[in-house]
Amino acid sequence: MNPHAPSLLPKAPGDLSVPRLAVRSQNDHGFLFVNNFVRGAIMPARPAFQVKIKLPGGDLLLPERPLDVPSGTYFIWPFHLDLGSAHLRYSTAQLFTRLVEKDQPAYVFFCIPGIRCELSFADHPGLVAHAMGGHIQRASGVLNVTDLPMNSDTTLSLQSPGTLTTRILVLTRQHAEDTWRVHFDGKEHLLITTRQFFANDNTITLQSDDDPIFKLSLFPAIKAKPIASSSLTIRQQTNTTTELFARLPAMQPHLVLTQIQQPRTVPPVQLGPPISWRPHGVAQAPAEATFADAAVWKLTLGKDQLHNLSNLFLQIDYTGDVGRLSDGTHLLDDNFFNGTPWTIGMRRFLERKQTGDLRLQILPLRADSPIFLEDRIRSALPTTGQVEQLRGVRIIPQYQLTLRTEP
């Protein structure tokens, strides 16, 4: 498709008054790209937004009724798009993907938060339309589906005489971000879940941190429950979707934390040598001897911690220069403080039986330390002296559910 710039362009990169948009098209069909987001800047909202696109077959107003575009919003709107036997004039929902089963297409869109969600089709005699949610309005050869709900999945169907039904699924953007394309019994489906996801040729694996409950939806609906690693129940079954549910046994891993050494005053951070293109050296990692001044805790984990679990994560919320986790004198993992909690996957160490004498060291952070920290982190630290703080240590179980995609 060929790109087309609008008639009015920003005068400079810093000109935020003009909407950023463009069209890519071939003949009468294409896509409108709108970007009301610029990193580091606050873009104005665009009230009563509407674009006139000059096409070979005539001008198109997109949308027909102006709408408001919030600050920070970006999207791609299709126009004059053939969806099987239906002709989409335009959509304020973004096209996501297409599935085909026995030559019957299913098209998936998602709504943009803060923007009226509607799909406009060319109407003709004999066109049968059905919507689960929203309203269908017909006038002057146009069929509009408006007021699509933003809090649930919406399905549409359109059929002309003598043609296959075109199915359309409209998701929220959050659902789209949680959607994966999978195969069940050799057929394409969309799997919607908030859980972590990965798959191979015949297995789907879902993982959940700290929550043993799994919920997932499949579109189109499946005829039979898949074989799963845990008991799986169908919560809801419609002609278009199947909702599945599993509750794994909740685990409560055991952790005991005991401080065995208070911190001492640490020496200033040393700088590395300057180089030709950088006149000042950068901060060096602390010398090994410096860790003798660190605060130290002993961590004790219970036995059989991985029973019925995929993994176990140790999450350490601290302030300091460097954190270290060791098994006796053997370093397991370390972390240079950046203001976010330090998370360690423990499965590899548990399987190697390297957790018998866990020691956590936190080296104090000097106020004059020449390291980069984001302003919101640096502003919360003392301006003199040094700081070392352990706010908490959590142990987080990771649950896993696997599904067979082939019988």
Protein backbone atom coordinates (compact mmCIF):
# COMPACT_ATOMS: atom_id res chain seq x y z
CA MET A 1 0.00 0.00 0.00
CA ASN A 2 1.14 3.53 -0.71
CA PRO A 3 1.62 6.03 2.15
CA HIS A 4 -0.17 9.38 2.11
CA ALA A 5 0.56 12.34 4.38
CA PRO A 6 -2.23 14.67 5.54
CA SER A 7 -2.67 18.15 4.12
CA LEU A 8 -1.75 19.72 7.49
CA LEU A 9 1.56 18.69 9.04
CA PRO A 10 3.30 19.74 12.30
CA LYS A 11 5.64 22.69 11.70
CA ALA A 12 8.37 21.02 13.79
CA PRO A 13 8.82 17.95 16.00
CA GLY A 14 7.84 20.07 19.00
CA ASP A 15 4.59 21.23 17.43
CA LEU A 16 2.00 19.20 19.34
CA SER A 17 -1.01 21.16 18.13
CA VAL A 18 -1.42 19.17 14.91
CA PRO A 19 -2.58 15.53 15.07
CA ARG A 20 -0.04 12.98 13.84
CA LEU A 21 -1.73 10.78 11.27
CA ALA A 22 -1.21 9.11 7.90
CA VAL A 23 -2.96 6.78 5.48
CA ARG A 24 -1.72 3.73 3.64
CA SER A 25 -4.03 2.62 0.85
CA GLN A 26 -4.48 0.65 -2.34
CA ASN A 27 -7.32 1.87 -4.53
CA ASP A 28 -10.22 2.51 -2.14
CA HIS A 29 -9.13 0.38 0.81
CA GLY A 30 -6.48 0.90 3.43
CA PHE A 31 -5.70 1.98 6.96
CA LEU A 32 -5.67 5.24 8.89
CA PHE A 33 -2.81 5.55 11.39
CA VAL A 34 -3.29 7.96 14.30
CA ASN A 35 -0.66 8.61 16.97
CA ASN A 36 -1.61 10.96 19.81
CA PHE A 37 1.40 9.92 21.91
CA VAL A 38 4.88 11.44 22.06
CA ARG A 39 7.34 10.09 24.61
CA GLY A 40 8.26 12.72 27.18
CA ALA A 41 5.45 15.08 26.13
CA ILE A 42 1.80 15.47 27.10
CA MET A 43 -0.25 15.48 23.93
CA PRO A 44 -3.53 17.41 23.90
CA ALA A 45 -6.80 15.54 23.60
CA ARG A 46 -8.38 15.81 20.14
CA PRO A 47 -12.08 16.68 20.61
CA ALA A 48 -14.54 16.14 17.75
CA PHE A 49 -11.93 14.18 15.79
CA GLN A 50 -12.83 13.25 12.22
CA VAL A 51 -10.75 12.64 9.09
CA LYS A 52 -11.78 13.08 5.47
CA ILE A 53 -9.96 10.63 3.22
CA LYS A 54 -10.04 11.41 -0.52
CA LEU A 55 -10.29 8.09 -2.36
CA PRO A 56 -10.70 7.24 -6.06
CA GLY A 57 -14.27 6.07 -5.40
CA GLY A 58 -15.22 9.15 -3.37
CA ASP A 59 -14.52 10.87 -0.09
CA LEU A 60 -14.84 8.94 3.17
CA LEU A 61 -15.49 10.55 6.56
CA LEU A 62 -13.94 8.46 9.27
CA PRO A 63 -15.87 8.22 11.53
CA GLU A 64 -19.17 9.60 10.27
CA ARG A 65 -19.88 11.11 13.70
CA PRO A 66 -16.88 12.90 15.26
CA LEU A 67 -15.46 11.47 18.44
CA ASP A 68 -12.92 12.52 21.06
CA VAL A 69 -9.37 11.10 20.97
CA PRO A 70 -7.75 11.06 24.44
CA SER A 71 -4.19 12.17 25.08
CA GLY A 72 -1.68 9.32 24.78
CA THR A 73 -3.88 7.23 22.46
CA TYR A 74 -2.67 5.56 19.25
CA PHE A 75 -4.46 3.21 16.87
CA ILE A 76 -4.95 1.92 13.31
CA TRP A 77 -8.42 2.08 11.73
CA PRO A 78 -9.23 0.02 8.61
CA PHE A 79 -11.49 1.29 5.84
CA HIS A 80 -13.18 -0.38 2.83
CA LEU A 81 -12.05 -3.81 3.95
CA ASP A 82 -13.69 -6.97 2.58
CA LEU A 83 -14.50 -9.38 5.42
CA GLY A 84 -15.67 -12.49 3.60
CA SER A 85 -19.13 -11.67 2.26
CA ALA A 86 -19.31 -8.41 4.26
CA HIS A 87 -17.80 -5.07 3.29
CA LEU A 88 -16.49 -3.00 6.19
CA ARG A 89 -16.71 0.70 5.37
CA TYR A 90 -14.64 1.61 8.43
CA SER A 91 -14.08 0.65 12.03
CA THR A 92 -13.02 2.58 15.12
CA ALA A 93 -11.92 -0.79 16.52
CA GLN A 94 -8.46 -1.98 15.46
CA LEU A 95 -8.09 -5.12 13.38
CA PHE A 96 -6.29 -7.86 15.33
CA THR A 97 -6.25 -11.13 13.38
CA ARG A 98 -8.23 -13.53 11.18
CA LEU A 99 -9.10 -17.18 11.67
CA VAL A 100 -10.42 -19.50 8.96
CA GLU A 101 -12.27 -22.77 9.58
CA LYS A 102 -13.69 -24.71 6.61
CA ASP A 103 -13.51 -21.59 4.43
CA GLN A 104 -15.59 -19.71 7.01
CA PRO A 105 -13.67 -16.62 8.12
CA ALA A 106 -13.67 -15.09 11.59
CA TYR A 107 -12.22 -11.61 12.06
CA VAL A 108 -11.06 -10.23 15.38
CA PHE A 109 -10.96 -6.55 16.38
CA PHE A 110 -10.28 -4.76 19.64
CA CYS A 111 -11.71 -1.50 20.98
CA ILE A 112 -9.47 1.44 21.86
CA PRO A 113 -9.92 2.65 25.47
CA GLY A 114 -11.65 6.01 25.65
CA ILE A 115 -12.90 5.91 22.04
CA ARG A 116 -16.43 5.09 20.86
CA CYS A 117 -16.29 1.60 19.40
CA GLU A 118 -18.24 1.09 16.19
CA LEU A 119 -18.13 -0.86 12.94
CA SER A 120 -19.79 0.43 9.78
CA PHE A 121 -20.75 -1.95 6.93
CA ALA A 122 -22.21 -1.56 3.47
CA ASP A 123 -25.85 -2.66 3.65
CA HIS A 124 -27.73 -4.46 0.89
CA PRO A 125 -30.97 -6.45 0.54
CA GLY A 126 -30.83 -9.83 2.21
CA LEU A 127 -27.92 -9.03 4.52
CA VAL A 128 -28.65 -10.60 7.90
CA ALA A 129 -26.82 -9.13 10.89
CA HIS A 130 -26.82 -10.26 14.50
CA ALA A 131 -24.90 -8.68 17.39
CA MET A 132 -24.37 -9.95 20.94
CA GLY A 133 -24.03 -6.54 22.55
CA GLY A 134 -24.26 -3.10 21.00
CA HIS A 135 -26.94 -1.79 18.65
CA ILE A 136 -27.53 -2.30 14.92
CA GLN A 137 -28.69 0.73 12.95
CA ARG A 138 -29.54 0.67 9.22
CA ALA A 139 -30.05 3.72 6.99
CA SER A 140 -29.21 4.83 3.43
CA GLY A 141 -27.35 1.67 2.50
CA VAL A 142 -25.23 1.66 5.65
CA LEU A 143 -25.35 -0.78 8.56
CA ASN A 144 -23.69 0.52 11.73
CA VAL A 145 -22.98 -1.49 14.84
CA THR A 146 -22.58 1.02 17.66
CA ASP A 147 -22.34 1.20 21.46
CA LEU A 148 -20.23 -1.93 21.59
CA PRO A 149 -19.56 -2.78 25.25
CA MET A 150 -16.03 -2.23 26.55
CA ASN A 151 -16.23 -4.67 29.45
CA SER A 152 -16.94 -7.96 27.69
CA ASP A 153 -16.33 -9.82 24.46
CA THR A 154 -18.80 -9.04 21.67
CA THR A 155 -19.60 -11.26 18.70
CA LEU A 156 -21.22 -10.22 15.43
CA SER A 157 -22.36 -12.30 12.49
CA LEU A 158 -23.16 -11.14 8.97
CA GLN A 159 -24.54 -13.29 6.15
CA SER A 160 -25.64 -12.53 2.61
CA PRO A 161 -27.87 -14.91 0.61
CA GLY A 162 -25.88 -17.87 -0.73
CA THR A 163 -22.68 -17.03 1.22
CA LEU A 164 -20.98 -18.28 4.34
CA THR A 165 -21.49 -16.38 7.59
CA THR A 166 -18.79 -13.87 8.46
CA ARG A 167 -18.10 -13.96 12.17
CA ILE A 168 -16.56 -11.01 14.00
CA LEU A 169 -15.20 -10.99 17.54
CA VAL A 170 -14.61 -7.64 19.24
CA LEU A 171 -12.28 -7.64 22.24
CA THR A 172 -11.21 -5.07 24.75
CA ARG A 173 -7.60 -3.99 24.31
CA GLN A 174 -6.67 -5.77 27.54
CA HIS A 175 -8.15 -9.00 26.19
CA ALA A 176 -6.20 -8.52 22.96
CA GLU A 177 -2.98 -8.17 24.95
CA ASP A 178 -3.84 -11.45 26.71
CA THR A 179 -4.73 -13.38 23.52
CA TRP A 180 -2.73 -16.16 21.86
CA ARG A 181 -3.27 -18.05 18.64
CA VAL A 182 -3.35 -21.81 19.24
CA HIS A 183 -4.42 -25.08 17.61
CA PHE A 184 -6.91 -27.57 19.05
CA ASP A 185 -7.66 -30.73 17.09
CA GLY A 186 -5.94 -29.20 14.08
CA LYS A 187 -8.11 -26.06 14.09
CA GLU A 188 -7.10 -22.50 14.83
CA HIS A 189 -8.44 -20.89 17.99
CA LEU A 190 -7.77 -17.82 20.08
CA LEU A 191 -6.92 -18.48 23.71
CA ILE A 192 -7.54 -15.56 26.07
CA THR A 193 -5.94 -15.65 29.51
CA THR A 194 -4.12 -13.35 31.91
CA ARG A 195 -1.71 -16.15 32.77
CA GLN A 196 1.78 -16.58 31.37
CA PHE A 197 1.69 -18.62 28.19
CA PHE A 198 3.94 -20.75 26.01
CA ALA A 199 3.35 -23.70 23.71
CA ASN A 200 4.97 -26.40 21.59
CA ASP A 201 3.55 -28.66 18.90
CA ASN A 202 0.97 -30.42 21.08
CA THR A 203 1.04 -28.80 24.53
CA ILE A 204 -0.02 -25.43 25.92
CA THR A 205 1.52 -24.37 29.21
CA LEU A 206 0.06 -21.68 31.47
CA GLN A 207 1.84 -20.38 34.54
CA SER A 208 0.60 -18.21 37.40
CA ASP A 209 2.62 -16.49 40.12
CA ASP A 210 1.09 -16.63 43.61
CA ASP A 211 -2.42 -17.50 42.40
CA PRO A 212 -3.55 -21.13 41.86
CA ILE A 213 -6.65 -20.17 39.83
CA PHE A 214 -6.60 -20.41 36.03
CA LYS A 215 -9.27 -18.95 33.74
CA LEU A 216 -9.14 -19.10 29.96
CA SER A 217 -11.49 -18.59 27.03
CA LEU A 218 -11.34 -20.20 23.61
CA PHE A 219 -12.78 -18.79 20.39
CA PRO A 220 -14.31 -20.48 18.45
CA ALA A 221 -15.92 -22.80 20.99
CA ILE A 222 -14.47 -26.30 21.35
CA LYS A 223 -16.56 -29.48 21.40
CA ALA A 224 -14.80 -31.29 24.26
CA LYS A 225 -12.64 -30.35 27.20
CA PRO A 226 -8.91 -30.69 26.47
CA ILE A 227 -6.81 -33.14 28.46
CA ALA A 228 -5.13 -31.15 31.24
CA SER A 229 -2.59 -31.66 34.02
CA SER A 230 -5.24 -30.69 36.61
CA SER A 231 -9.00 -30.95 36.80
CA LEU A 232 -10.54 -28.63 34.22
CA THR A 233 -14.16 -27.53 34.17
CA ILE A 234 -16.23 -25.68 31.58
CA ARG A 235 -17.58 -22.55 33.25
CA GLN A 236 -19.52 -21.33 30.23
CA GLN A 237 -20.18 -22.64 26.73
CA THR A 238 -21.83 -20.64 23.92
CA ASN A 239 -22.00 -21.12 20.19
CA THR A 240 -18.91 -18.95 19.83
CA THR A 241 -16.75 -19.28 22.95
CA THR A 242 -15.77 -21.76 25.66
CA GLU A 243 -14.66 -20.59 29.10
CA LEU A 244 -12.53 -23.03 31.11
CA PHE A 245 -11.53 -22.96 34.78
CA ALA A 246 -9.04 -24.79 37.00
CA ARG A 247 -8.14 -24.40 40.67
CA LEU A 248 -4.86 -25.97 41.76
CA PRO A 249 -4.07 -26.75 45.41
CA ALA A 250 -2.78 -23.60 47.11
CA MET A 251 0.77 -23.89 48.46
CA GLN A 252 2.30 -21.93 51.32
CA PRO A 253 6.10 -22.20 51.09
CA HIS A 254 7.95 -21.70 54.37
CA LEU A 255 10.68 -19.09 54.89
CA VAL A 256 12.57 -18.01 58.03
CA LEU A 257 14.72 -14.86 57.93
CA THR A 258 17.32 -14.12 60.62
CA GLN A 259 19.79 -11.22 60.63
CA ILE A 260 23.27 -12.34 61.65
CA GLN A 261 25.35 -9.22 60.93
CA GLN A 262 24.73 -5.48 61.09
CA PRO A 263 26.24 -3.29 58.34
CA ARG A 264 29.42 -1.31 58.83
CA THR A 265 30.58 1.91 57.16
CA VAL A 266 31.60 1.21 53.56
CA PRO A 267 34.39 3.01 51.68
CA PRO A 268 33.69 5.44 48.81
CA VAL A 269 32.88 3.96 45.42
CA GLN A 270 35.92 3.85 43.18
CA LEU A 271 35.89 5.20 39.63
CA GLY A 272 37.40 3.43 36.67
CA PRO A 273 40.04 5.07 34.50
CA PRO A 274 39.05 7.78 32.01
CA ILE A 275 39.27 7.00 28.30
CA SER A 276 39.79 9.20 25.25
CA TRP A 277 36.13 9.83 24.49
CA ARG A 278 34.97 9.95 28.14
CA PRO A 279 37.05 12.19 30.40
CA HIS A 280 35.58 10.86 33.65
CA GLY A 281 35.62 7.24 34.74
CA VAL A 282 32.45 5.41 35.76
CA ALA A 283 31.68 3.67 39.03
CA GLN A 284 33.36 0.31 39.52
CA ALA A 285 31.75 -2.71 41.13
CA PRO A 286 32.73 -3.02 44.80
CA ALA A 287 35.86 -4.99 45.58
CA GLU A 288 35.32 -8.42 47.10
CA ALA A 289 36.72 -7.30 50.46
CA THR A 290 34.05 -4.57 50.70
CA PHE A 291 31.33 -7.17 51.25
CA ALA A 292 32.74 -7.86 54.70
CA ASP A 293 30.95 -4.61 55.68
CA ALA A 294 27.54 -5.74 54.34
CA ALA A 295 24.48 -6.55 56.39
CA VAL A 296 23.87 -10.31 56.39
CA TRP A 297 20.75 -12.44 56.89
CA LYS A 298 20.31 -16.19 57.03
CA LEU A 299 17.43 -17.60 54.96
CA THR A 300 15.92 -20.99 55.75
CA LEU A 301 13.52 -22.68 53.33
CA GLY A 302 11.25 -25.57 54.23
CA LYS A 303 11.59 -29.01 52.67
CA ASP A 304 9.86 -30.15 49.47
CA GLN A 305 9.28 -26.54 48.43
CA LEU A 306 8.70 -27.44 44.76
CA HIS A 307 5.97 -29.98 45.42
CA ASN A 308 3.19 -29.38 42.83
CA LEU A 309 4.88 -26.16 41.70
CA SER A 310 6.61 -25.05 38.51
CA ASN A 311 9.00 -22.70 40.29
CA LEU A 312 9.56 -20.76 43.45
CA PHE A 313 10.61 -17.11 43.41
CA LEU A 314 12.44 -15.25 46.14
CA GLN A 315 11.49 -11.55 45.97
CA ILE A 316 13.73 -9.20 47.94
CA ASP A 317 12.60 -5.59 48.48
CA TYR A 318 15.64 -3.63 49.62
CA THR A 319 17.65 -0.43 49.37
CA GLY A 320 21.42 -0.67 49.12
CA ASP A 321 24.30 -0.72 46.67
CA VAL A 322 24.55 -4.44 45.82
CA GLY A 323 22.66 -7.50 47.00
CA ARG A 324 24.11 -11.01 47.02
CA LEU A 325 22.53 -14.41 47.60
CA SER A 326 24.94 -17.22 48.46
CA ASP A 327 24.89 -20.84 49.49
CA GLY A 328 27.68 -20.80 52.02
CA THR A 329 30.61 -19.33 50.10
CA HIS A 330 29.14 -20.07 46.65
CA LEU A 331 27.51 -17.05 44.96
CA LEU A 332 24.09 -17.93 43.53
CA ASP A 333 22.87 -14.54 42.30
CA ASP A 334 23.57 -10.82 42.74
CA ASN A 335 21.76 -7.59 42.04
CA PHE A 336 22.80 -3.96 41.57
CA PHE A 337 20.13 -1.78 43.20
CA ASN A 338 17.90 0.21 40.83
CA GLY A 339 14.83 0.82 42.99
CA THR A 340 12.82 -2.25 41.99
CA PRO A 341 12.48 -5.53 43.94
CA TRP A 342 15.03 -8.24 43.17
CA THR A 343 13.39 -11.50 42.06
CA ILE A 344 15.27 -14.82 41.93
CA GLY A 345 14.01 -18.05 40.41
CA MET A 346 14.93 -20.74 42.95
CA ARG A 347 14.08 -23.95 41.09
CA ARG A 348 17.58 -24.48 39.70
CA PHE A 349 19.12 -24.08 43.17
CA LEU A 350 16.55 -26.28 44.90
CA GLU A 351 17.06 -29.05 42.35
CA ARG A 352 20.84 -28.85 42.88
CA LYS A 353 20.31 -28.80 46.66
CA GLN A 354 22.14 -25.47 46.88
CA THR A 355 19.81 -23.94 49.46
CA GLY A 356 21.09 -25.50 52.68
CA ASP A 357 22.89 -22.40 53.99
CA LEU A 358 21.41 -19.39 52.22
CA ARG A 359 22.98 -16.05 53.05
CA LEU A 360 21.67 -12.68 51.90
CA GLN A 361 24.12 -9.76 51.90
CA ILE A 362 23.14 -6.14 51.32
CA LEU A 363 25.99 -3.68 50.89
CA PRO A 364 25.03 -0.16 52.08
CA LEU A 365 24.64 2.55 49.46
CA ARG A 366 26.58 5.75 50.11
CA ALA A 367 24.77 9.03 49.43
CA ASP A 368 27.77 10.23 47.38
CA SER A 369 27.81 7.09 45.24
CA PRO A 370 28.27 8.22 41.58
CA ILE A 371 25.80 5.78 40.08
CA PHE A 372 22.69 6.60 38.06
CA LEU A 373 19.32 6.21 39.73
CA GLU A 374 16.03 7.57 38.42
CA ASP A 375 14.98 10.83 40.09
CA ARG A 376 12.05 9.24 41.90
CA ILE A 377 14.44 6.71 43.47
CA ARG A 378 17.30 9.11 44.22
CA SER A 379 14.98 11.70 45.81
CA ALA A 380 13.80 9.16 48.39
CA LEU A 381 17.35 8.41 49.61
CA PRO A 382 19.27 10.25 52.37
CA THR A 383 21.49 13.09 51.12
CA THR A 384 24.33 12.19 53.50
CA GLY A 385 25.81 9.07 55.03
CA GLN A 386 24.77 5.63 53.78
CA VAL A 387 21.60 3.57 53.62
CA GLU A 388 20.84 -0.13 53.88
CA GLN A 389 17.28 -1.32 54.32
CA LEU A 390 15.55 -4.66 53.92
CA ARG A 391 11.84 -3.97 53.68
CA GLY A 392 10.80 -7.54 53.14
CA VAL A 393 11.50 -10.95 51.62
CA ARG A 394 8.66 -12.87 49.97
CA ILE A 395 8.57 -16.37 48.64
CA ILE A 396 6.23 -16.65 45.65
CA PRO A 397 4.98 -20.01 44.36
CA GLN A 398 4.51 -20.41 40.61
CA TYR A 399 1.66 -22.72 39.56
CA GLN A 400 1.48 -24.48 36.19
CA LEU A 401 -1.34 -25.88 34.07
CA THR A 402 -0.71 -27.80 30.85
CA LEU A 403 -3.26 -28.61 28.13
CA ARG A 404 -3.02 -31.18 25.38
CA THR A 405 -3.90 -29.68 22.00
CA GLU A 406 -4.22 -33.04 20.25
CA PRO A 407 -6.28 -36.02 21.48
